N, C-alpha and C. Protein backbone atom coordinates (compact mmCIF):
# COMPACT_ATOMS: atom_id res chain seq x y z
N MET A 1 133.63 119.85 137.99
CA MET A 1 133.43 118.46 138.05
C MET A 1 132.57 117.99 139.30
N MET A 2 133.13 118.40 140.46
CA MET A 2 132.40 118.17 141.77
C MET A 2 131.09 118.50 141.84
N SER A 3 130.65 119.83 141.22
CA SER A 3 129.33 120.40 141.51
C SER A 3 128.45 119.49 140.60
N ARG A 4 129.03 118.94 139.33
CA ARG A 4 128.17 117.99 138.58
C ARG A 4 127.73 116.80 139.39
N ALA A 5 128.59 116.19 140.07
CA ALA A 5 128.38 114.86 140.83
C ALA A 5 127.50 115.26 141.91
N ILE A 6 127.52 116.51 142.53
CA ILE A 6 126.69 116.76 143.55
C ILE A 6 125.22 116.98 142.99
N PHE A 7 125.14 117.70 142.00
CA PHE A 7 123.77 117.88 141.29
C PHE A 7 123.16 116.58 140.87
N PHE A 8 123.82 115.48 140.30
CA PHE A 8 123.34 114.23 140.12
C PHE A 8 122.77 113.43 141.35
N ALA A 9 123.66 113.66 142.31
CA ALA A 9 123.18 113.06 143.69
C ALA A 9 122.07 113.53 144.19
N LEU A 10 121.91 114.82 144.17
CA LEU A 10 120.62 115.39 144.60
C LEU A 10 119.59 115.29 143.65
N LEU A 11 119.70 115.07 142.50
CA LEU A 11 118.61 114.66 141.58
C LEU A 11 118.13 113.26 141.86
N ILE A 12 119.12 112.41 142.12
CA ILE A 12 118.55 110.98 142.30
C ILE A 12 117.97 110.93 143.63
N LEU A 13 118.39 111.64 144.58
CA LEU A 13 117.73 111.71 145.89
C LEU A 13 116.25 112.44 145.79
N TRP A 14 116.17 113.39 145.06
CA TRP A 14 114.86 114.04 144.75
C TRP A 14 113.86 113.04 144.23
N VAL A 15 114.31 112.21 143.14
CA VAL A 15 113.42 111.44 142.41
C VAL A 15 112.98 110.35 143.48
N ILE A 16 113.90 109.76 144.29
CA ILE A 16 113.43 108.75 145.34
C ILE A 16 112.54 109.44 146.24
N LEU A 17 112.77 110.45 146.81
CA LEU A 17 111.94 111.00 147.75
C LEU A 17 110.45 111.48 147.17
N THR A 18 110.47 111.93 145.95
CA THR A 18 109.11 112.33 145.43
C THR A 18 108.33 111.17 144.82
N GLY A 19 108.99 109.95 144.81
CA GLY A 19 108.07 108.78 144.39
C GLY A 19 108.18 108.66 142.88
N PHE A 20 108.98 109.31 142.14
CA PHE A 20 109.06 109.13 140.87
C PHE A 20 109.77 107.95 140.34
N ALA A 21 110.54 107.27 141.15
CA ALA A 21 111.12 105.95 141.01
C ALA A 21 110.19 104.89 141.13
N ARG A 22 109.28 104.53 140.29
CA ARG A 22 108.23 103.53 140.38
C ARG A 22 108.40 102.67 139.19
N PRO A 23 107.87 101.44 139.30
CA PRO A 23 107.87 100.37 138.20
C PRO A 23 107.15 101.13 137.12
N ALA A 24 107.33 100.81 135.78
CA ALA A 24 106.74 101.29 134.64
C ALA A 24 105.31 100.94 134.75
N GLY A 25 104.25 101.90 134.45
CA GLY A 25 102.85 101.80 134.43
C GLY A 25 102.39 101.99 135.93
N ALA A 26 103.21 102.30 136.84
CA ALA A 26 102.59 102.32 138.24
C ALA A 26 102.52 103.77 138.58
N GLN A 27 102.65 104.76 137.85
CA GLN A 27 102.65 106.23 138.30
C GLN A 27 101.18 106.56 138.49
N ASP A 28 100.87 107.41 139.60
CA ASP A 28 99.63 107.80 139.76
C ASP A 28 99.17 108.87 138.73
N THR A 29 98.08 108.39 137.98
CA THR A 29 97.63 109.41 136.96
C THR A 29 96.76 110.63 137.49
N GLY A 30 96.17 110.38 138.81
CA GLY A 30 95.50 111.47 139.31
C GLY A 30 94.08 111.58 138.55
N LEU A 31 93.23 112.12 139.26
CA LEU A 31 91.94 112.71 138.84
C LEU A 31 91.87 114.18 139.17
N PRO A 32 92.38 115.10 138.31
CA PRO A 32 92.70 116.40 138.75
C PRO A 32 91.40 117.05 139.39
N GLU A 33 90.17 116.82 139.11
CA GLU A 33 89.13 117.46 139.76
C GLU A 33 88.92 116.95 141.15
N SER A 34 89.42 115.71 141.36
CA SER A 34 89.18 115.21 142.71
C SER A 34 90.32 115.25 143.64
N GLY A 35 91.55 115.42 143.10
CA GLY A 35 92.80 115.22 143.94
C GLY A 35 93.21 113.89 144.48
N ILE A 36 92.31 112.91 143.88
CA ILE A 36 92.63 111.46 144.32
C ILE A 36 93.83 110.99 143.56
N ARG A 37 94.62 110.10 144.19
CA ARG A 37 95.72 109.48 143.55
C ARG A 37 95.30 108.33 142.93
N TYR A 38 95.61 107.91 141.75
CA TYR A 38 95.25 106.59 141.26
C TYR A 38 96.35 106.21 140.25
N PRO A 39 96.67 104.99 140.35
CA PRO A 39 95.95 103.90 141.13
C PRO A 39 96.41 103.86 142.68
N GLY A 40 97.37 104.80 143.16
CA GLY A 40 97.67 104.73 144.52
C GLY A 40 96.36 105.39 145.26
N GLY A 41 96.71 105.71 146.43
CA GLY A 41 95.61 106.35 147.31
C GLY A 41 94.67 105.41 147.81
N PHE A 42 94.96 104.05 147.77
CA PHE A 42 94.25 103.02 148.45
C PHE A 42 94.66 102.87 149.86
N ASP A 43 93.71 102.94 150.87
CA ASP A 43 94.09 103.11 152.23
C ASP A 43 93.40 102.01 152.93
N LEU A 44 94.15 100.96 153.41
CA LEU A 44 93.46 99.85 154.05
C LEU A 44 92.67 100.41 155.36
N ASN A 45 93.03 101.47 155.99
CA ASN A 45 92.32 101.96 157.15
C ASN A 45 91.00 102.56 156.87
N THR A 46 90.70 102.69 155.56
CA THR A 46 89.22 103.33 155.14
C THR A 46 88.38 102.39 154.43
N VAL A 47 88.92 101.02 154.39
CA VAL A 47 88.06 100.14 153.59
C VAL A 47 86.53 99.90 154.32
N GLY A 48 85.63 99.83 153.34
CA GLY A 48 84.33 99.72 153.76
C GLY A 48 83.58 99.09 152.48
N GLU A 49 82.33 98.79 152.64
CA GLU A 49 81.49 98.38 151.76
C GLU A 49 80.14 99.26 151.53
N ILE A 50 79.76 99.43 150.19
CA ILE A 50 78.60 100.21 149.97
C ILE A 50 77.77 99.19 148.89
N GLN A 51 76.66 99.43 148.92
CA GLN A 51 75.58 98.74 148.13
C GLN A 51 74.58 99.64 147.59
N GLY A 52 74.26 99.40 146.43
CA GLY A 52 73.20 100.05 145.56
C GLY A 52 73.21 99.79 144.22
N ARG A 53 72.66 100.79 143.37
CA ARG A 53 72.55 100.67 141.92
C ARG A 53 73.48 101.50 141.20
N ALA A 54 74.14 100.89 140.39
CA ALA A 54 75.31 101.48 139.57
C ALA A 54 74.67 102.21 138.49
N PHE A 55 75.30 103.52 138.17
CA PHE A 55 74.78 104.27 137.07
C PHE A 55 75.86 105.45 136.74
N GLY A 56 75.88 105.93 135.59
CA GLY A 56 76.89 106.97 135.23
C GLY A 56 78.18 106.46 134.81
N PHE A 57 78.22 105.35 134.16
CA PHE A 57 79.53 104.70 133.68
C PHE A 57 80.30 105.61 132.88
N VAL A 58 81.73 105.68 133.16
CA VAL A 58 82.64 106.38 132.25
C VAL A 58 83.83 105.42 132.01
N PHE A 59 84.09 105.28 130.79
CA PHE A 59 85.26 104.32 130.33
C PHE A 59 86.23 105.26 129.46
N PRO A 60 87.13 106.00 130.34
CA PRO A 60 88.01 106.88 129.77
C PRO A 60 89.19 106.15 129.03
N GLU A 61 89.87 106.86 128.14
CA GLU A 61 91.09 106.22 127.49
C GLU A 61 92.20 105.99 128.46
N SER A 62 92.28 107.01 129.48
CA SER A 62 93.26 106.77 130.50
C SER A 62 92.67 106.92 131.95
N GLY A 63 93.25 106.30 132.84
CA GLY A 63 92.67 106.46 134.24
C GLY A 63 91.54 105.35 134.29
N PRO A 64 90.90 105.42 135.44
CA PRO A 64 89.84 104.38 135.92
C PRO A 64 88.66 104.36 135.32
N VAL A 65 88.04 103.10 134.92
CA VAL A 65 86.61 103.03 134.77
C VAL A 65 85.96 103.55 135.90
N ARG A 66 84.91 104.27 135.81
CA ARG A 66 84.25 104.73 137.14
C ARG A 66 82.68 104.81 136.84
N PHE A 67 82.14 104.66 138.02
CA PHE A 67 80.59 104.72 138.05
C PHE A 67 80.18 105.16 139.39
N GLN A 68 78.91 105.52 139.43
CA GLN A 68 78.38 106.10 140.73
C GLN A 68 77.42 105.10 141.36
N VAL A 69 77.46 104.97 142.69
CA VAL A 69 76.49 104.31 143.42
C VAL A 69 75.74 105.02 144.49
N ALA A 70 74.40 105.07 144.46
CA ALA A 70 73.79 105.75 145.66
C ALA A 70 73.73 104.88 146.73
N PHE A 71 74.24 105.14 147.98
CA PHE A 71 74.41 104.39 149.10
C PHE A 71 73.85 105.38 150.27
N LEU A 72 72.83 104.79 150.96
CA LEU A 72 72.20 105.45 152.01
C LEU A 72 71.88 106.98 151.53
N LYS A 73 72.23 108.00 152.06
CA LYS A 73 71.98 109.30 151.70
C LYS A 73 73.02 109.93 150.90
N GLU A 74 74.01 109.14 150.58
CA GLU A 74 75.25 109.70 149.74
C GLU A 74 75.31 109.03 148.44
N THR A 75 76.07 109.67 147.49
CA THR A 75 76.49 109.00 146.33
C THR A 75 77.95 109.08 146.20
N TYR A 76 78.57 107.66 145.99
CA TYR A 76 80.02 107.60 145.78
C TYR A 76 80.32 107.41 144.34
N ILE A 77 81.54 107.87 144.02
CA ILE A 77 81.96 107.58 142.66
C ILE A 77 83.06 106.49 142.83
N VAL A 78 82.67 105.40 142.18
CA VAL A 78 83.61 104.20 142.32
C VAL A 78 84.54 104.13 141.21
N LEU A 79 85.89 104.02 141.75
CA LEU A 79 87.12 103.97 140.75
C LEU A 79 87.53 102.56 140.69
N THR A 80 87.49 102.07 139.45
CA THR A 80 87.89 100.37 139.51
C THR A 80 89.24 100.27 138.87
N SER A 81 89.55 100.13 137.57
CA SER A 81 90.70 99.86 136.83
C SER A 81 90.70 100.47 135.56
N PRO A 82 91.83 100.45 134.79
CA PRO A 82 91.78 100.99 133.49
C PRO A 82 90.81 100.03 132.63
N ALA A 83 90.30 100.72 131.65
CA ALA A 83 89.17 100.04 130.84
C ALA A 83 89.62 98.59 130.22
N ALA A 84 90.87 98.43 129.85
CA ALA A 84 91.32 97.15 129.20
C ALA A 84 91.15 96.01 130.31
N PHE A 85 91.71 96.31 131.47
CA PHE A 85 91.55 95.41 132.72
C PHE A 85 90.11 95.08 132.80
N TRP A 86 89.20 96.09 132.91
CA TRP A 86 87.80 95.91 133.26
C TRP A 86 87.21 94.87 132.10
N HIS A 87 87.53 95.24 130.84
CA HIS A 87 86.99 94.42 129.77
C HIS A 87 87.48 92.99 129.81
N ASP A 88 88.88 92.80 130.19
CA ASP A 88 89.43 91.47 130.18
C ASP A 88 88.63 90.70 131.38
N LEU A 89 88.26 91.34 132.37
CA LEU A 89 87.55 90.65 133.34
C LEU A 89 86.01 90.35 133.14
N LYS A 90 85.66 90.84 131.94
CA LYS A 90 84.17 90.89 131.68
C LYS A 90 83.39 91.37 132.82
N GLY A 91 83.71 92.63 133.12
CA GLY A 91 83.11 93.28 134.35
C GLY A 91 81.85 93.96 133.69
N GLU A 92 81.09 93.28 132.90
CA GLU A 92 79.74 93.94 132.49
C GLU A 92 78.78 94.12 133.43
N LEU A 93 78.31 95.43 133.55
CA LEU A 93 77.43 95.74 134.66
C LEU A 93 76.53 96.73 134.01
N LYS A 94 75.25 96.28 134.14
CA LYS A 94 74.11 97.21 133.55
C LYS A 94 73.73 98.56 134.26
N GLU A 95 73.45 99.63 133.53
CA GLU A 95 73.02 100.66 134.07
C GLU A 95 71.85 100.42 134.83
N GLY A 96 71.97 100.87 136.29
CA GLY A 96 70.97 100.54 137.21
C GLY A 96 70.92 99.07 137.82
N GLY A 97 72.05 98.40 137.47
CA GLY A 97 72.38 97.08 138.09
C GLY A 97 72.76 97.23 139.46
N GLU A 98 72.28 96.15 140.33
CA GLU A 98 72.69 96.23 141.58
C GLU A 98 74.02 95.62 141.91
N VAL A 99 74.85 96.49 142.87
CA VAL A 99 76.35 96.06 143.06
C VAL A 99 76.42 96.17 144.51
N ARG A 100 77.66 95.48 144.92
CA ARG A 100 78.19 95.64 146.31
C ARG A 100 79.60 95.92 145.97
N VAL A 101 80.14 96.90 146.58
CA VAL A 101 81.55 97.32 146.32
C VAL A 101 82.36 97.35 147.62
N LEU A 102 83.51 96.77 147.71
CA LEU A 102 84.38 96.92 148.83
C LEU A 102 85.46 97.67 148.25
N GLY A 103 85.79 98.69 149.16
CA GLY A 103 86.95 99.43 148.66
C GLY A 103 87.41 100.66 149.70
N SER A 104 88.35 101.28 149.45
CA SER A 104 88.95 102.39 150.31
C SER A 104 88.04 103.68 150.05
N LYS A 105 87.33 104.08 151.27
CA LYS A 105 86.50 105.41 151.05
C LYS A 105 87.46 106.54 151.26
N THR A 106 87.29 107.69 150.43
CA THR A 106 87.86 108.93 150.51
C THR A 106 87.07 110.09 150.13
N LEU A 107 87.31 111.33 150.66
CA LEU A 107 86.59 112.37 150.29
C LEU A 107 87.61 113.32 149.28
N GLY A 108 87.09 113.53 148.04
CA GLY A 108 87.85 114.21 147.11
C GLY A 108 88.15 115.71 147.43
N ALA A 109 89.02 116.41 146.91
CA ALA A 109 89.06 117.74 146.84
C ALA A 109 88.01 118.43 146.34
N ASP A 110 87.18 117.88 145.48
CA ASP A 110 86.13 118.46 144.82
C ASP A 110 84.64 118.17 145.73
N GLY A 111 84.96 117.86 146.99
CA GLY A 111 83.84 117.64 147.89
C GLY A 111 82.95 116.25 147.73
N ARG A 112 83.39 115.39 146.77
CA ARG A 112 82.60 114.28 146.49
C ARG A 112 83.39 113.05 147.13
N LEU A 113 82.46 112.03 147.57
CA LEU A 113 82.72 110.73 147.97
C LEU A 113 83.24 109.84 146.95
N TYR A 114 84.47 109.25 147.13
CA TYR A 114 84.98 108.38 146.24
C TYR A 114 85.22 106.90 147.04
N LEU A 115 85.16 105.90 146.09
CA LEU A 115 85.52 104.46 146.73
C LEU A 115 86.59 103.95 145.57
N ILE A 116 87.67 103.62 146.11
CA ILE A 116 88.57 103.03 145.28
C ILE A 116 88.47 101.43 145.40
N ALA A 117 87.76 100.91 144.38
CA ALA A 117 87.16 99.54 144.33
C ALA A 117 88.42 98.64 144.51
N GLN A 118 88.23 97.51 145.58
CA GLN A 118 89.08 96.42 145.75
C GLN A 118 88.30 95.28 144.97
N GLU A 119 86.97 95.15 145.09
CA GLU A 119 86.18 94.16 144.46
C GLU A 119 84.79 94.73 144.36
N VAL A 120 84.08 94.24 143.26
CA VAL A 120 82.85 94.52 142.96
C VAL A 120 81.85 93.23 142.77
N ARG A 121 81.07 93.23 143.52
CA ARG A 121 79.96 92.05 143.47
C ARG A 121 78.79 92.36 142.50
N ILE A 122 78.60 91.61 141.65
CA ILE A 122 77.36 91.73 140.75
C ILE A 122 76.38 90.59 141.18
N PRO A 123 75.46 90.81 142.02
CA PRO A 123 74.55 89.66 142.48
C PRO A 123 73.71 89.19 141.33
N GLU A 124 73.44 90.00 140.38
CA GLU A 124 72.57 89.41 139.17
C GLU A 124 73.26 88.39 138.52
N ARG A 125 74.60 88.53 138.35
CA ARG A 125 75.40 87.54 137.70
C ARG A 125 76.06 86.60 138.47
N ASP A 126 75.92 86.82 139.84
CA ASP A 126 76.40 85.96 140.74
C ASP A 126 78.09 85.81 140.54
N ILE A 127 78.75 87.03 140.40
CA ILE A 127 80.04 87.06 140.17
C ILE A 127 80.73 88.23 141.10
N ILE A 128 82.05 88.11 141.45
CA ILE A 128 82.83 89.16 142.19
C ILE A 128 83.99 89.42 141.16
N VAL A 129 84.17 90.66 140.88
CA VAL A 129 85.26 91.20 140.01
C VAL A 129 86.20 91.76 141.01
N ASN A 130 87.50 91.22 141.08
CA ASN A 130 88.55 91.67 141.73
C ASN A 130 89.58 92.62 141.14
N PHE A 131 89.77 93.84 141.84
CA PHE A 131 90.76 94.60 141.23
C PHE A 131 91.91 94.87 141.97
N ARG A 132 92.07 94.53 143.27
CA ARG A 132 93.06 94.78 144.07
C ARG A 132 93.44 93.45 144.94
N THR A 133 94.59 93.31 145.44
CA THR A 133 94.95 92.30 146.39
C THR A 133 94.19 92.74 147.72
N GLU A 134 94.50 91.78 148.67
CA GLU A 134 94.02 91.96 150.13
C GLU A 134 94.74 93.22 150.67
N LYS A 135 95.96 93.53 150.33
CA LYS A 135 96.61 94.84 150.66
C LYS A 135 96.40 96.03 149.90
N GLY A 136 95.67 95.84 148.86
CA GLY A 136 95.18 97.01 148.19
C GLY A 136 96.04 97.25 147.04
N SER A 137 96.95 96.42 146.54
CA SER A 137 97.79 96.68 145.31
C SER A 137 96.91 96.17 144.18
N PRO A 138 97.05 97.21 143.10
CA PRO A 138 96.32 96.93 141.88
C PRO A 138 96.71 95.73 141.15
N LEU A 139 95.70 94.75 140.87
CA LEU A 139 96.12 93.50 140.20
C LEU A 139 96.68 93.73 138.81
N TRP A 140 96.23 94.79 138.07
CA TRP A 140 96.61 95.16 136.76
C TRP A 140 98.15 95.55 136.60
N LEU A 141 98.76 95.82 137.80
CA LEU A 141 100.06 96.31 137.83
C LEU A 141 101.19 95.12 138.21
N GLN A 142 100.61 94.07 138.60
CA GLN A 142 101.33 92.93 139.27
C GLN A 142 102.05 92.32 138.16
N SER A 143 103.23 91.91 138.28
CA SER A 143 103.86 91.11 137.22
C SER A 143 103.40 89.63 137.27
N GLY A 144 103.11 89.01 136.15
CA GLY A 144 102.66 87.66 136.10
C GLY A 144 101.14 87.60 136.17
N VAL A 145 100.49 88.75 136.23
CA VAL A 145 98.95 88.78 136.38
C VAL A 145 98.41 89.18 135.00
N ARG A 146 97.76 88.26 134.58
CA ARG A 146 97.05 88.40 133.33
C ARG A 146 95.50 88.38 133.40
N SER A 147 94.88 89.29 132.78
CA SER A 147 93.25 89.18 132.86
C SER A 147 92.83 88.98 134.40
N GLY A 148 93.45 89.64 135.26
CA GLY A 148 93.01 89.60 136.68
C GLY A 148 93.27 88.45 137.41
N LYS A 149 94.21 87.69 136.96
CA LYS A 149 94.55 86.49 137.88
C LYS A 149 95.07 86.89 139.08
N SER A 150 94.53 86.35 140.09
CA SER A 150 94.69 86.82 141.65
C SER A 150 95.66 85.87 142.21
N PRO A 151 96.73 86.32 142.88
CA PRO A 151 97.52 85.38 143.68
C PRO A 151 96.60 84.82 144.79
N GLY A 152 96.68 83.59 145.17
CA GLY A 152 95.81 83.20 146.17
C GLY A 152 95.62 84.11 147.31
N SER A 153 94.37 84.56 147.51
CA SER A 153 94.16 85.33 148.82
C SER A 153 92.77 85.08 149.48
N SER A 154 92.73 85.19 150.45
CA SER A 154 91.27 85.16 151.08
C SER A 154 90.72 86.51 151.55
N GLY A 155 89.51 86.57 151.73
CA GLY A 155 88.80 87.91 152.11
C GLY A 155 87.50 87.81 152.19
N SER A 156 86.78 88.98 152.17
CA SER A 156 85.40 89.06 152.46
C SER A 156 84.52 88.32 151.43
N PHE A 157 84.99 88.36 150.23
CA PHE A 157 84.12 87.66 149.22
C PHE A 157 84.91 86.30 148.85
N PRO A 158 84.20 85.32 148.54
CA PRO A 158 84.82 84.09 147.85
C PRO A 158 85.46 84.50 146.64
N ARG A 159 86.52 83.78 146.43
CA ARG A 159 87.27 84.13 145.11
C ARG A 159 87.82 82.70 144.52
N GLY A 160 87.88 82.83 143.30
CA GLY A 160 88.62 81.76 142.34
C GLY A 160 89.95 82.10 142.13
N GLY A 161 90.49 81.48 141.12
CA GLY A 161 91.95 81.74 140.79
C GLY A 161 92.06 82.84 139.94
N SER A 162 91.00 83.65 139.57
CA SER A 162 91.02 84.65 138.51
C SER A 162 90.53 85.97 139.21
N GLY A 163 90.47 86.95 138.32
CA GLY A 163 89.76 88.19 138.83
C GLY A 163 88.35 88.14 138.89
N ILE A 164 87.73 87.04 138.60
CA ILE A 164 86.26 86.99 138.78
C ILE A 164 86.13 85.72 139.61
N GLY A 165 85.27 85.88 140.59
CA GLY A 165 85.12 84.73 141.47
C GLY A 165 83.41 84.42 141.46
N LYS A 166 83.09 83.21 141.81
CA LYS A 166 81.75 82.95 141.69
C LYS A 166 81.28 83.21 143.08
N GLY A 167 80.16 83.89 143.30
CA GLY A 167 79.64 84.27 144.55
C GLY A 167 78.85 83.10 145.21
N VAL A 168 79.30 82.87 146.45
CA VAL A 168 78.50 81.78 147.26
C VAL A 168 78.57 82.20 148.81
N GLY A 169 77.43 82.60 149.18
CA GLY A 169 77.54 82.93 150.74
C GLY A 169 77.71 84.34 151.01
N GLY A 170 77.91 84.77 152.29
CA GLY A 170 77.78 86.03 152.76
C GLY A 170 78.98 86.90 152.39
N ALA A 171 78.58 87.98 151.60
CA ALA A 171 79.81 88.85 151.17
C ALA A 171 79.95 89.76 152.37
N GLY A 172 81.25 90.17 152.41
CA GLY A 172 81.45 91.19 153.33
C GLY A 172 81.93 90.63 154.71
N LYS A 173 81.94 89.44 155.01
CA LYS A 173 82.28 88.79 156.47
C LYS A 173 83.67 89.11 156.58
N GLY A 174 83.90 89.51 158.00
CA GLY A 174 85.12 89.53 158.58
C GLY A 174 85.83 90.87 158.27
N ARG A 175 85.38 91.78 157.50
CA ARG A 175 86.19 92.99 157.26
C ARG A 175 85.33 94.20 157.12
N ARG A 176 85.57 95.21 157.66
CA ARG A 176 84.98 96.50 157.57
C ARG A 176 85.85 97.75 157.87
């Protein structure tokens, strides 16, 4: 009897310590080849901005929509959101289209550079697509958030009341 109680207490402690006790839908799916935690893994200490042409779009059934951006002499793989959230935000971006991406930079276990997107600016359409809050929390996991509605926040890009904002003025001011 007592050993069963100890077993369950240890099991609960293990669940808490290993992070398995998360809200439904919040588990990191991971990108096995990269070792990147997703949607976790966003680190405010590594937030930066890249700019270039987007190419190589991937819309998987699970995990993040991703694409590549050549920036300076490096190529980043940009991780955005689940495909359904991307489509809800009408994040249409053409192959070869110019983008500015603000997000958390990281080096994957596969030796490739990744950027976990917080927001993507599409200058051709004069819009900003928001994927995360100022603190880096995924918008698609927040309660009460539908189709990218963002709780009022300020940041480097101007924002409206939804996941898509109208671009006006200098992107990237005040944060690097």
